[in-house]
């Protein structure tokens, strides 16, 4: 029974490689035309709670690395880390978004 539990847990936690099977040169980002590279991305949380962010992310930096919400993109599985193509420009804009959002939510120090 314990072995079955370990087996199920290890299969369920396996990372999904969305770059698997790609042949040829790395693809270019359709937004920034920059060459992308494969990177592990943490997937957790539910995108329904941040719909405004998800719409912006899909439009302005869809190929970012770091963290994704479940179903943030069409091929991102829920609650399972992925290896996906990451655009350095998308990732830069993603980091800037969260930095600006955090600085705008600081309490007023008056």
N, C-alpha and C. Protein backbone atom coordinates (compact mmCIF):
# COMPACT_ATOMS: atom_id res chain seq x y z
N UNK A 1 0.83 -1.19 0.00
CA UNK A 1 0.00 0.00 0.00
C UNK A 1 0.87 1.26 0.00
N UNK A 2 1.90 1.28 0.84
CA UNK A 2 2.80 2.43 0.92
C UNK A 2 3.51 2.67 -0.41
N UNK A 3 3.90 1.58 -1.07
CA UNK A 3 4.59 1.70 -2.36
C UNK A 3 3.65 2.30 -3.40
N UNK A 4 2.39 1.91 -3.39
CA UNK A 4 1.41 2.49 -4.32
C UNK A 4 1.24 3.99 -4.08
N UNK A 5 1.21 4.38 -2.80
CA UNK A 5 1.08 5.79 -2.46
C UNK A 5 2.27 6.58 -3.01
N UNK A 6 3.47 6.08 -2.81
CA UNK A 6 4.68 6.75 -3.31
C UNK A 6 4.64 6.82 -4.83
N UNK A 7 4.24 5.76 -5.47
CA UNK A 7 4.17 5.74 -6.93
C UNK A 7 3.18 6.77 -7.46
N UNK A 8 1.99 6.81 -6.87
CA UNK A 8 0.97 7.78 -7.29
C UNK A 8 1.45 9.21 -7.05
N UNK A 9 2.08 9.46 -5.92
CA UNK A 9 2.57 10.80 -5.61
C UNK A 9 3.67 11.21 -6.57
N UNK A 10 4.57 10.31 -6.91
CA UNK A 10 5.67 10.69 -7.80
C UNK A 10 5.18 10.93 -9.22
N UNK A 11 4.20 10.17 -9.66
CA UNK A 11 3.64 10.39 -11.00
C UNK A 11 2.82 11.68 -11.02
N UNK A 12 2.03 11.93 -10.00
CA UNK A 12 1.20 13.11 -9.93
C UNK A 12 1.99 14.40 -9.82
N UNK A 13 3.18 14.34 -9.26
CA UNK A 13 3.99 15.54 -9.07
C UNK A 13 4.98 15.75 -10.20
N UNK A 14 4.97 14.88 -11.19
CA UNK A 14 5.92 14.99 -12.28
C UNK A 14 5.72 16.30 -13.04
N UNK A 15 6.80 16.89 -13.42
CA UNK A 15 6.78 18.14 -14.19
C UNK A 15 6.39 17.83 -15.63
N UNK A 16 5.63 18.70 -16.25
CA UNK A 16 5.23 18.57 -17.64
C UNK A 16 6.19 19.39 -18.49
N UNK A 17 6.79 18.76 -19.50
CA UNK A 17 7.73 19.46 -20.38
C UNK A 17 7.00 19.86 -21.66
N UNK A 18 6.65 21.15 -21.75
CA UNK A 18 5.94 21.66 -22.92
C UNK A 18 6.87 21.91 -24.10
N UNK A 19 8.20 21.77 -23.87
CA UNK A 19 9.17 21.96 -24.95
C UNK A 19 9.56 20.63 -25.58
N UNK A 20 9.13 19.56 -24.96
CA UNK A 20 9.49 18.22 -25.41
C UNK A 20 9.05 18.00 -26.85
N UNK A 21 9.93 17.42 -27.62
CA UNK A 21 9.59 17.12 -29.00
C UNK A 21 9.88 18.25 -29.97
N UNK A 22 10.34 19.41 -29.46
CA UNK A 22 10.66 20.52 -30.35
C UNK A 22 11.90 20.17 -31.16
N UNK A 23 11.86 20.40 -32.44
CA UNK A 23 12.99 20.11 -33.32
C UNK A 23 13.44 21.42 -33.96
N UNK A 24 14.75 21.61 -34.03
CA UNK A 24 15.29 22.79 -34.68
C UNK A 24 15.68 23.87 -33.68
N UNK A 25 15.83 25.06 -34.19
CA UNK A 25 16.23 26.20 -33.36
C UNK A 25 15.13 26.54 -32.36
N UNK A 26 15.54 27.21 -31.30
CA UNK A 26 14.56 27.66 -30.30
C UNK A 26 13.58 28.63 -30.98
N UNK A 27 12.32 28.59 -30.58
CA UNK A 27 11.34 29.50 -31.19
C UNK A 27 11.57 30.94 -30.74
N UNK A 28 11.04 31.87 -31.51
CA UNK A 28 11.07 33.28 -31.15
C UNK A 28 9.72 33.67 -30.55
N UNK A 29 9.75 34.59 -29.61
CA UNK A 29 8.54 35.10 -28.99
C UNK A 29 7.72 35.86 -30.04
N UNK A 30 6.44 35.56 -30.16
CA UNK A 30 5.62 36.27 -31.14
C UNK A 30 5.39 37.74 -30.79
N UNK A 31 5.58 38.12 -29.53
CA UNK A 31 5.39 39.52 -29.11
C UNK A 31 6.68 40.32 -29.29
N UNK A 32 7.81 39.77 -28.82
CA UNK A 32 9.07 40.52 -28.79
C UNK A 32 10.09 40.08 -29.83
N UNK A 33 9.82 39.01 -30.56
CA UNK A 33 10.72 38.46 -31.57
C UNK A 33 12.07 38.02 -30.99
N UNK A 34 12.14 37.85 -29.68
CA UNK A 34 13.38 37.42 -29.03
C UNK A 34 13.41 35.89 -28.99
N UNK A 35 14.63 35.34 -29.07
CA UNK A 35 14.77 33.89 -28.99
C UNK A 35 14.45 33.43 -27.57
N UNK A 36 13.65 32.39 -27.46
CA UNK A 36 13.25 31.88 -26.15
C UNK A 36 14.14 30.70 -25.76
N UNK A 37 14.11 30.37 -24.48
CA UNK A 37 14.87 29.23 -23.95
C UNK A 37 13.99 28.43 -23.00
N UNK A 38 14.23 27.12 -22.87
CA UNK A 38 13.43 26.31 -21.95
C UNK A 38 13.78 26.63 -20.50
N UNK A 39 12.77 26.66 -19.65
CA UNK A 39 12.99 26.97 -18.23
C UNK A 39 11.89 26.32 -17.40
N UNK A 40 12.23 25.89 -16.19
CA UNK A 40 11.23 25.33 -15.28
C UNK A 40 10.41 26.49 -14.71
N UNK A 41 9.10 26.33 -14.71
CA UNK A 41 8.19 27.36 -14.22
C UNK A 41 7.29 26.74 -13.16
N UNK A 42 7.19 27.40 -12.02
CA UNK A 42 6.32 26.94 -10.95
C UNK A 42 4.88 27.30 -11.28
N UNK A 43 3.99 26.33 -11.15
CA UNK A 43 2.56 26.56 -11.40
C UNK A 43 1.81 26.30 -10.11
N UNK A 44 1.14 27.33 -9.61
CA UNK A 44 0.29 27.15 -8.42
C UNK A 44 -0.66 28.33 -8.32
N UNK A 45 -1.74 28.12 -7.64
CA UNK A 45 -2.73 29.18 -7.48
C UNK A 45 -3.74 29.15 -8.60
N UNK A 46 -4.82 29.84 -8.39
CA UNK A 46 -5.92 29.84 -9.34
C UNK A 46 -6.03 31.20 -10.01
N UNK A 47 -6.02 31.23 -11.33
CA UNK A 47 -6.03 32.48 -12.08
C UNK A 47 -7.34 33.24 -11.97
N UNK A 48 -8.40 32.57 -11.56
CA UNK A 48 -9.70 33.23 -11.48
C UNK A 48 -9.67 34.41 -10.49
N UNK A 49 -8.75 34.38 -9.53
CA UNK A 49 -8.67 35.44 -8.53
C UNK A 49 -7.90 36.67 -9.01
N UNK A 50 -7.22 36.53 -10.13
CA UNK A 50 -6.42 37.65 -10.65
C UNK A 50 -6.68 37.81 -12.15
N UNK A 51 -7.95 37.89 -12.53
CA UNK A 51 -8.31 37.93 -13.95
C UNK A 51 -7.68 39.11 -14.67
N UNK A 52 -7.62 40.27 -14.02
CA UNK A 52 -7.01 41.45 -14.66
C UNK A 52 -5.55 41.18 -15.00
N UNK A 53 -4.83 40.59 -14.05
CA UNK A 53 -3.42 40.24 -14.30
C UNK A 53 -3.31 39.26 -15.45
N UNK A 54 -4.12 38.22 -15.46
CA UNK A 54 -4.01 37.18 -16.48
C UNK A 54 -4.27 37.74 -17.88
N UNK A 55 -5.25 38.63 -18.00
CA UNK A 55 -5.51 39.25 -19.30
C UNK A 55 -4.28 40.05 -19.76
N UNK A 56 -3.71 40.82 -18.86
CA UNK A 56 -2.51 41.61 -19.18
C UNK A 56 -1.34 40.69 -19.53
N UNK A 57 -1.15 39.65 -18.75
CA UNK A 57 -0.04 38.71 -19.00
C UNK A 57 -0.18 38.06 -20.37
N UNK A 58 -1.38 37.64 -20.72
CA UNK A 58 -1.60 37.00 -22.03
C UNK A 58 -1.31 37.96 -23.18
N UNK A 59 -1.57 39.23 -22.94
CA UNK A 59 -1.39 40.25 -23.97
C UNK A 59 0.05 40.75 -24.06
N UNK A 60 0.67 41.05 -22.91
CA UNK A 60 1.96 41.75 -22.90
C UNK A 60 3.18 40.88 -22.62
N UNK A 61 3.03 39.82 -21.82
CA UNK A 61 4.19 38.98 -21.51
C UNK A 61 3.78 37.51 -21.31
N UNK A 62 3.23 36.91 -22.37
CA UNK A 62 2.70 35.55 -22.24
C UNK A 62 3.76 34.47 -22.05
N UNK A 63 4.99 34.75 -22.40
CA UNK A 63 6.06 33.74 -22.33
C UNK A 63 7.03 34.03 -21.19
N UNK A 64 6.50 34.48 -20.05
CA UNK A 64 7.36 34.79 -18.91
C UNK A 64 7.72 33.52 -18.16
N UNK A 65 8.77 33.60 -17.37
CA UNK A 65 9.17 32.50 -16.50
C UNK A 65 8.70 32.77 -15.09
N UNK A 66 9.34 32.13 -14.13
CA UNK A 66 9.02 32.37 -12.72
C UNK A 66 7.84 31.56 -12.24
N UNK A 67 6.68 32.17 -12.16
CA UNK A 67 5.47 31.56 -11.61
C UNK A 67 4.31 31.79 -12.55
N UNK A 68 3.48 30.77 -12.70
CA UNK A 68 2.23 30.91 -13.45
C UNK A 68 1.09 30.42 -12.59
N UNK A 69 -0.05 31.02 -12.79
CA UNK A 69 -1.27 30.53 -12.17
C UNK A 69 -1.81 29.38 -13.00
N UNK A 70 -2.57 28.49 -12.37
CA UNK A 70 -3.19 27.39 -13.10
C UNK A 70 -4.05 27.94 -14.23
N UNK A 71 -3.89 27.39 -15.40
CA UNK A 71 -4.63 27.78 -16.60
C UNK A 71 -4.39 29.23 -17.02
N UNK A 72 -3.25 29.81 -16.61
CA UNK A 72 -2.92 31.18 -17.05
C UNK A 72 -2.75 31.22 -18.56
N UNK A 73 -2.17 30.17 -19.11
CA UNK A 73 -2.07 30.05 -20.56
C UNK A 73 -2.87 28.83 -20.99
N UNK A 74 -3.09 28.70 -22.26
CA UNK A 74 -3.90 27.59 -22.75
C UNK A 74 -3.30 26.22 -22.50
N UNK A 75 -1.97 26.14 -22.42
CA UNK A 75 -1.34 24.82 -22.24
C UNK A 75 -0.72 24.63 -20.86
N UNK A 76 -0.95 25.56 -19.94
CA UNK A 76 -0.42 25.40 -18.59
C UNK A 76 -1.37 24.52 -17.78
N UNK A 77 -0.88 23.37 -17.32
CA UNK A 77 -1.76 22.52 -16.51
C UNK A 77 -1.95 23.12 -15.12
N UNK A 78 -2.96 22.70 -14.43
CA UNK A 78 -3.23 23.20 -13.08
C UNK A 78 -2.32 22.49 -12.08
N UNK A 79 -1.72 23.28 -11.20
CA UNK A 79 -0.95 22.76 -10.06
C UNK A 79 0.12 21.75 -10.45
N UNK A 80 0.74 21.93 -11.59
CA UNK A 80 1.84 21.06 -11.99
C UNK A 80 2.91 21.92 -12.65
N UNK A 81 4.12 21.90 -12.09
CA UNK A 81 5.20 22.69 -12.67
C UNK A 81 5.46 22.24 -14.10
N UNK A 82 5.93 23.19 -14.90
CA UNK A 82 6.18 22.90 -16.31
C UNK A 82 7.58 23.35 -16.71
N UNK A 83 8.05 22.79 -17.80
CA UNK A 83 9.19 23.34 -18.51
C UNK A 83 8.58 23.92 -19.77
N UNK A 84 8.81 25.21 -19.99
CA UNK A 84 8.21 25.87 -21.15
C UNK A 84 9.21 26.86 -21.72
N UNK A 85 8.90 27.35 -22.89
CA UNK A 85 9.76 28.35 -23.53
C UNK A 85 9.56 29.70 -22.85
N UNK A 86 10.66 30.35 -22.51
CA UNK A 86 10.62 31.64 -21.83
C UNK A 86 11.35 32.68 -22.68
N UNK A 87 10.66 33.79 -22.88
CA UNK A 87 11.24 34.93 -23.59
C UNK A 87 11.87 35.87 -22.56
N UNK A 88 13.12 36.27 -22.75
CA UNK A 88 13.74 37.16 -21.77
C UNK A 88 13.03 38.51 -21.64
N UNK A 89 12.45 39.01 -22.72
CA UNK A 89 11.73 40.28 -22.67
C UNK A 89 10.40 40.14 -21.95
N UNK A 90 9.69 39.03 -22.21
CA UNK A 90 8.44 38.78 -21.47
C UNK A 90 8.74 38.68 -19.98
N UNK A 91 9.82 37.98 -19.64
CA UNK A 91 10.15 37.81 -18.22
C UNK A 91 10.52 39.15 -17.57
N UNK A 92 11.22 39.99 -18.31
CA UNK A 92 11.57 41.32 -17.79
C UNK A 92 10.30 42.13 -17.51
N UNK A 93 9.34 42.10 -18.43
CA UNK A 93 8.08 42.83 -18.23
C UNK A 93 7.25 42.23 -17.09
N UNK A 94 7.29 40.91 -16.94
CA UNK A 94 6.61 40.22 -15.85
C UNK A 94 7.18 40.69 -14.50
N UNK A 95 8.50 40.72 -14.38
CA UNK A 95 9.13 41.18 -13.13
C UNK A 95 8.80 42.65 -12.85
N UNK A 96 8.81 43.48 -13.88
CA UNK A 96 8.48 44.90 -13.72
C UNK A 96 7.03 45.07 -13.27
N UNK A 97 6.12 44.28 -13.82
CA UNK A 97 4.72 44.35 -13.42
C UNK A 97 4.58 44.11 -11.92
N UNK A 98 5.15 43.02 -11.42
CA UNK A 98 5.00 42.68 -10.00
C UNK A 98 5.75 43.66 -9.10
N UNK A 99 6.87 44.19 -9.57
CA UNK A 99 7.60 45.19 -8.78
C UNK A 99 6.76 46.46 -8.66
N UNK A 100 6.19 46.92 -9.76
CA UNK A 100 5.35 48.12 -9.75
C UNK A 100 4.08 47.91 -8.94
N UNK A 101 3.50 46.74 -9.06
CA UNK A 101 2.28 46.44 -8.31
C UNK A 101 2.57 46.46 -6.80
N UNK A 102 3.69 45.87 -6.40
CA UNK A 102 4.05 45.84 -4.98
C UNK A 102 4.33 47.25 -4.46
N UNK A 103 5.01 48.07 -5.24
CA UNK A 103 5.34 49.42 -4.78
C UNK A 103 4.09 50.30 -4.72
N UNK A 104 3.09 50.03 -5.57
CA UNK A 104 1.85 50.80 -5.55
C UNK A 104 0.92 50.40 -4.41
N UNK A 105 1.18 49.27 -3.77
CA UNK A 105 0.32 48.80 -2.69
C UNK A 105 0.92 49.06 -1.31
N UNK A 106 2.03 49.77 -1.26
CA UNK A 106 2.62 50.08 0.04
C UNK A 106 1.75 51.11 0.74
N UNK A 107 1.59 50.99 2.06
CA UNK A 107 0.78 51.97 2.81
C UNK A 107 1.37 53.37 2.70
N UNK A 108 0.50 54.33 2.64
CA UNK A 108 0.93 55.72 2.58
C UNK A 108 1.61 56.07 3.89
N UNK A 109 2.80 56.67 3.83
CA UNK A 109 3.58 56.94 5.05
C UNK A 109 3.39 58.37 5.56
N UNK A 110 2.24 58.94 5.33
CA UNK A 110 2.00 60.31 5.84
C UNK A 110 1.66 60.32 7.29
